Amino acid sequence: MTLTGLTARQQQTWASGDYGAVAALIHPIAEELVQATDLSAGARVLDVAAGTGNAAIAAARCRCRVTATDYVPALLDRAAERAAAERLPLETAVADVQHLPYPDAAFDAVLSVVGAMFAPDQEQTAAELVRVCRPGGTIAMANWTPEGFIGEMFRTVGRRVPPPPGVRGPVEWGSEARLRELFDRKVQVVPRTFVFRFESPAAFADYFKAYYGPTVKAFEALGGDGKALYDDLVALAERHNVATDGTAKLPAAYVQVLLHR
């Protein structure tokens, strides 16, 4: 499958389920990234692969001039609704992070929270992030790691529904060595942890089966054979669970990435 075909397939994946339901859980990741980026009021900020706008809204609260982009229009509609509810100015535009429709050096900061990492062409994506950021500006990302809970979740799903051959995994964006390859310069990489909280390990599996695009599509592909994947996800959550009160607390490793252009 070509990279263009993979992009179209991924667009369908993220349009399935209800990514907003998952994004609502991880909003603190965006808040912490924006604080680490140390934005100034009035800064021109681009949130790429923005989903429902977690990073964009966090930046808008800093009185920045923010544009949120994604290739799923329905997710951007949700971002606009959220911003309007808080009376925050926010521009949205349908765009693929691999081909951003902006001139060179158009933004003071470019943000991505577990979004750009999923683009099939990693080198082109990194090049676009750098291109649209002005010299002296900042590129800031939050990316899941290969060894963390989400990285293991993708491997768990991949054993039942193998990913397309020849495509590098998105969690490679959580590897400092890979980030240095992609950006060909020094990057600041800070290990962080986000804790997913559910009523039980099974509740985690239910939630991701219902709402998270990649797992929604995996269950669709398996059809009547989905019980094995469901059991795998419950077992995954049980292995990572640190709760002692009968609920589920699932630490998920990610990295906070800062790159000064």
Protein backbone atom coordinates (compact mmCIF):
# COMPACT_ATOMS: atom_id res chain seq x y z
CA MET A 1 0.00 0.00 0.00
CA THR A 2 1.29 3.48 -0.89
CA LEU A 3 1.79 6.18 1.72
CA THR A 4 -1.14 8.05 0.15
CA GLY A 5 -3.30 4.96 0.56
CA LEU A 6 -2.14 4.55 4.16
CA THR A 7 -3.00 8.17 4.92
CA ALA A 8 -6.52 7.68 3.55
CA ARG A 9 -6.88 4.50 5.58
CA GLN A 10 -5.72 6.25 8.74
CA GLN A 11 -8.11 9.11 8.10
CA GLN A 12 -10.96 6.59 8.12
CA THR A 13 -9.56 5.03 11.29
CA TRP A 14 -9.53 8.29 13.25
CA ALA A 15 -12.97 9.20 11.95
CA SER A 16 -14.34 5.96 13.43
CA GLY A 17 -15.38 5.50 17.03
CA ASP A 18 -15.29 8.74 19.01
CA TYR A 19 -11.75 9.97 19.51
CA GLY A 20 -13.10 12.92 21.48
CA ALA A 21 -14.07 10.53 24.27
CA VAL A 22 -10.45 9.39 24.57
CA ALA A 23 -9.02 12.88 24.09
CA ALA A 24 -11.13 14.10 27.00
CA LEU A 25 -9.27 11.70 29.29
CA ILE A 26 -5.79 12.87 28.31
CA HIS A 27 -6.33 16.63 28.28
CA PRO A 28 -3.79 17.10 31.14
CA ILE A 29 -1.03 15.99 28.76
CA ALA A 30 -1.77 18.98 26.54
CA GLU A 31 -1.92 21.40 29.46
CA GLU A 32 1.48 20.25 30.70
CA LEU A 33 3.01 20.46 27.21
CA VAL A 34 1.76 24.01 26.68
CA GLN A 35 3.18 25.09 30.03
CA ALA A 36 6.52 23.50 29.14
CA THR A 37 6.51 25.33 25.80
CA ASP A 38 6.36 28.66 27.69
CA LEU A 39 4.23 30.45 25.11
CA SER A 40 3.85 34.22 25.08
CA ALA A 41 0.51 35.96 24.73
CA GLY A 42 -0.12 36.83 21.10
CA ALA A 43 2.13 34.08 19.76
CA ARG A 44 1.10 32.41 16.51
CA VAL A 45 0.52 28.76 17.38
CA LEU A 46 -0.30 25.79 15.16
CA ASP A 47 -1.73 22.58 16.64
CA VAL A 48 -1.25 19.77 14.09
CA ALA A 49 -3.24 16.53 14.08
CA ALA A 50 -5.19 18.41 16.72
CA GLY A 51 -8.13 16.03 17.11
CA THR A 52 -10.68 17.77 19.29
CA GLY A 53 -8.24 20.54 20.15
CA ASN A 54 -6.65 19.73 23.50
CA ALA A 55 -3.38 21.52 22.79
CA ALA A 56 -5.05 24.26 20.75
CA ILE A 57 -7.45 25.13 23.56
CA ALA A 58 -4.67 25.05 26.15
CA ALA A 59 -2.69 27.50 23.99
CA ALA A 60 -5.75 29.70 23.43
CA ARG A 61 -6.08 30.01 27.21
CA CYS A 62 -2.59 31.57 27.09
CA ARG A 63 -4.06 34.26 24.81
CA CYS A 64 -2.20 32.97 21.79
CA ARG A 65 -3.46 33.19 18.21
CA VAL A 66 -4.15 29.52 17.56
CA THR A 67 -4.96 27.43 14.51
CA ALA A 68 -5.98 23.79 14.94
CA THR A 69 -5.57 21.43 11.99
CA ASP A 70 -6.61 17.84 11.44
CA TYR A 71 -7.67 15.69 8.49
CA VAL A 72 -10.92 14.63 10.17
CA PRO A 73 -13.41 17.54 9.90
CA ALA A 74 -15.73 16.16 12.59
CA LEU A 75 -12.95 16.31 15.17
CA LEU A 76 -12.26 19.95 14.30
CA ASP A 77 -15.96 20.71 14.65
CA ARG A 78 -15.74 19.38 18.21
CA ALA A 79 -12.67 21.54 18.85
CA ALA A 80 -14.54 24.62 17.64
CA GLU A 81 -17.51 23.79 19.89
CA ARG A 82 -15.24 23.42 22.91
CA ALA A 83 -13.47 26.70 22.20
CA ALA A 84 -16.78 28.51 21.72
CA ALA A 85 -18.05 27.13 25.03
CA GLU A 86 -15.08 28.75 26.75
CA ARG A 87 -15.33 31.88 24.60
CA LEU A 88 -11.83 31.34 23.28
CA PRO A 89 -10.85 32.42 19.76
CA LEU A 90 -9.74 29.46 17.65
CA GLU A 91 -9.25 28.97 13.93
CA THR A 92 -9.61 25.49 12.46
CA ALA A 93 -8.50 24.12 9.10
CA VAL A 94 -8.70 20.68 7.53
CA ALA A 95 -5.12 19.70 6.73
CA ASP A 96 -2.77 16.73 6.66
CA VAL A 97 0.31 17.20 8.85
CA GLN A 98 2.39 15.69 6.03
CA HIS A 99 1.39 18.55 3.71
CA LEU A 100 0.60 21.65 5.73
CA PRO A 101 -0.98 24.50 3.71
CA TYR A 102 1.13 27.26 5.29
CA PRO A 103 4.20 29.19 4.19
CA ASP A 104 7.61 28.68 5.71
CA ALA A 105 8.15 30.15 9.19
CA ALA A 106 4.45 31.02 9.60
CA PHE A 107 4.21 30.14 13.31
CA ASP A 108 6.03 30.90 16.54
CA ALA A 109 5.22 27.46 17.94
CA VAL A 110 4.02 24.18 16.48
CA LEU A 111 2.35 21.69 18.83
CA SER A 112 1.25 18.08 18.60
CA VAL A 113 -0.19 15.90 21.34
CA VAL A 114 -0.12 12.20 20.36
CA GLY A 115 -1.23 13.21 16.88
CA ALA A 116 1.53 13.83 14.33
CA MET A 117 3.21 10.61 15.49
CA PHE A 118 0.58 8.60 13.60
CA ALA A 119 1.31 10.03 10.13
CA PRO A 120 2.70 7.29 7.84
CA ASP A 121 5.58 9.36 6.40
CA GLN A 122 7.59 10.20 9.48
CA GLU A 123 10.40 12.06 7.70
CA GLN A 124 7.99 14.26 5.75
CA THR A 125 6.01 14.98 8.91
CA ALA A 126 9.11 16.09 10.82
CA ALA A 127 10.18 18.25 7.90
CA GLU A 128 6.79 19.97 7.79
CA LEU A 129 6.83 20.70 11.52
CA VAL A 130 10.21 22.38 11.13
CA ARG A 131 9.30 24.18 7.91
CA VAL A 132 6.27 26.06 9.25
CA CYS A 133 8.00 27.06 12.51
CA ARG A 134 9.95 30.32 12.40
CA PRO A 135 13.65 30.42 13.27
CA GLY A 136 13.85 30.86 17.03
CA GLY A 137 10.42 29.27 17.46
CA THR A 138 9.54 26.04 19.24
CA ILE A 139 8.23 22.65 18.16
CA ALA A 140 6.63 20.81 21.08
CA MET A 141 5.23 17.30 21.07
CA ALA A 142 3.86 14.69 23.44
CA ASN A 143 4.37 11.16 22.09
CA TRP A 144 3.63 7.71 23.48
CA THR A 145 6.72 5.55 23.99
CA PRO A 146 7.46 2.11 22.51
CA GLU A 147 7.97 0.49 25.91
CA GLY A 148 5.00 2.07 27.69
CA PHE A 149 1.41 0.95 28.16
CA ILE A 150 0.13 2.39 24.86
CA GLY A 151 3.11 0.98 22.98
CA GLU A 152 2.30 -2.44 24.38
CA MET A 153 -1.37 -1.94 23.53
CA PHE A 154 -0.45 -1.41 19.87
CA ARG A 155 1.70 -4.53 19.87
CA THR A 156 -1.18 -6.44 21.48
CA VAL A 157 -3.57 -5.30 18.75
CA GLY A 158 -0.93 -5.94 16.08
CA ARG A 159 -0.63 -9.59 17.04
CA ARG A 160 -4.31 -10.04 16.15
CA VAL A 161 -4.50 -7.53 13.26
CA PRO A 162 -1.00 -7.00 11.81
CA PRO A 163 -0.13 -3.45 10.71
CA PRO A 164 0.77 -2.76 7.06
CA PRO A 165 4.24 -4.09 6.21
CA GLY A 166 7.14 -1.70 5.75
CA VAL A 167 5.70 1.16 7.82
CA ARG A 168 7.47 2.32 10.95
CA GLY A 169 5.41 2.23 14.11
CA PRO A 170 4.01 5.50 15.48
CA VAL A 171 5.45 4.92 18.95
CA GLU A 172 8.95 5.29 17.49
CA TRP A 173 8.26 9.01 17.96
CA GLY A 174 8.63 8.26 21.66
CA SER A 175 12.24 7.13 21.19
CA GLU A 176 14.92 9.79 21.69
CA ALA A 177 17.18 8.08 19.14
CA ARG A 178 14.44 8.16 16.50
CA LEU A 179 13.60 11.79 17.29
CA ARG A 180 17.23 12.75 16.71
CA GLU A 181 17.11 10.96 13.36
CA LEU A 182 13.90 12.68 12.33
CA PHE A 183 14.93 16.19 13.28
CA ASP A 184 18.67 15.85 12.71
CA ARG A 185 19.39 18.15 15.62
CA LYS A 186 19.36 18.27 19.39
CA VAL A 187 15.98 17.73 20.99
CA GLN A 188 14.96 17.96 24.63
CA VAL A 189 13.17 14.77 25.62
CA VAL A 190 11.55 14.55 29.06
CA PRO A 191 10.00 11.23 30.19
CA ARG A 192 6.50 11.67 31.59
CA THR A 193 3.67 9.43 32.75
CA PHE A 194 -0.07 9.78 32.37
CA VAL A 195 -2.36 7.51 34.41
CA PHE A 196 -5.53 6.21 32.80
CA ARG A 197 -8.22 5.54 35.42
CA PHE A 198 -11.12 3.15 34.92
CA GLU A 199 -13.54 1.25 37.12
CA SER A 200 -11.79 -2.03 36.22
CA PRO A 201 -9.44 -3.54 33.60
CA ALA A 202 -12.53 -4.68 31.68
CA ALA A 203 -13.85 -1.10 31.69
CA PHE A 204 -10.65 0.00 29.96
CA ALA A 205 -11.14 -2.65 27.27
CA ASP A 206 -14.79 -1.65 26.84
CA TYR A 207 -13.90 2.04 26.50
CA PHE A 208 -11.16 1.57 23.92
CA LYS A 209 -13.23 -0.97 21.99
CA ALA A 210 -16.06 1.56 21.73
CA TYR A 211 -14.22 4.83 21.16
CA TYR A 212 -10.56 4.57 20.08
CA GLY A 213 -10.26 4.46 16.28
CA PRO A 214 -7.38 1.94 15.97
CA THR A 215 -9.04 -0.56 18.30
CA VAL A 216 -12.49 0.09 16.79
CA LYS A 217 -11.09 -0.83 13.37
CA ALA A 218 -9.25 -3.85 14.76
CA PHE A 219 -12.45 -5.25 16.23
CA GLU A 220 -14.25 -4.58 12.95
CA ALA A 221 -11.55 -6.49 11.07
CA LEU A 222 -11.81 -9.45 13.43
CA GLY A 223 -15.59 -9.60 13.34
CA GLY A 224 -16.81 -12.56 15.37
CA ASP A 225 -13.24 -13.36 16.43
CA GLY A 226 -12.95 -10.18 18.49
CA LYS A 227 -13.27 -11.90 21.87
CA ALA A 228 -9.61 -12.96 21.80
CA LEU A 229 -8.49 -9.36 21.32
CA TYR A 230 -10.86 -8.20 24.04
CA ASP A 231 -9.40 -10.75 26.43
CA ASP A 232 -5.90 -9.61 25.43
CA LEU A 233 -6.74 -6.00 26.29
CA VAL A 234 -8.20 -6.95 29.65
CA ALA A 235 -5.07 -8.98 30.42
CA LEU A 236 -2.88 -6.06 29.33
CA ALA A 237 -4.69 -3.75 31.72
CA GLU A 238 -4.44 -6.29 34.52
CA ARG A 239 -0.66 -6.54 34.06
CA HIS A 240 -0.19 -2.76 34.17
CA ASN A 241 -2.74 -2.02 36.88
CA VAL A 242 -1.26 -0.38 39.98
CA ALA A 243 -4.56 0.22 41.79
CA THR A 244 -5.11 -1.51 45.11
CA ASP A 245 -8.77 -0.62 45.58
CA GLY A 246 -10.35 -2.84 42.96
CA THR A 247 -10.32 -0.20 40.20
CA ALA A 248 -7.80 0.24 37.37
CA LYS A 249 -4.95 2.76 37.36
CA LEU A 250 -2.83 2.32 34.25
CA PRO A 251 0.41 4.34 34.03
CA ALA A 252 1.19 5.18 30.40
CA ALA A 253 4.68 6.44 29.54
CA TYR A 254 5.10 9.28 27.09
CA VAL A 255 7.76 11.83 26.27
CA GLN A 256 7.55 15.60 26.21
CA VAL A 257 9.61 16.80 23.26
CA LEU A 258 10.90 20.35 22.83
CA LEU A 259 12.86 21.47 19.81
CA HIS A 260 14.03 25.05 19.33
CA ARG A 261 14.17 25.93 15.65
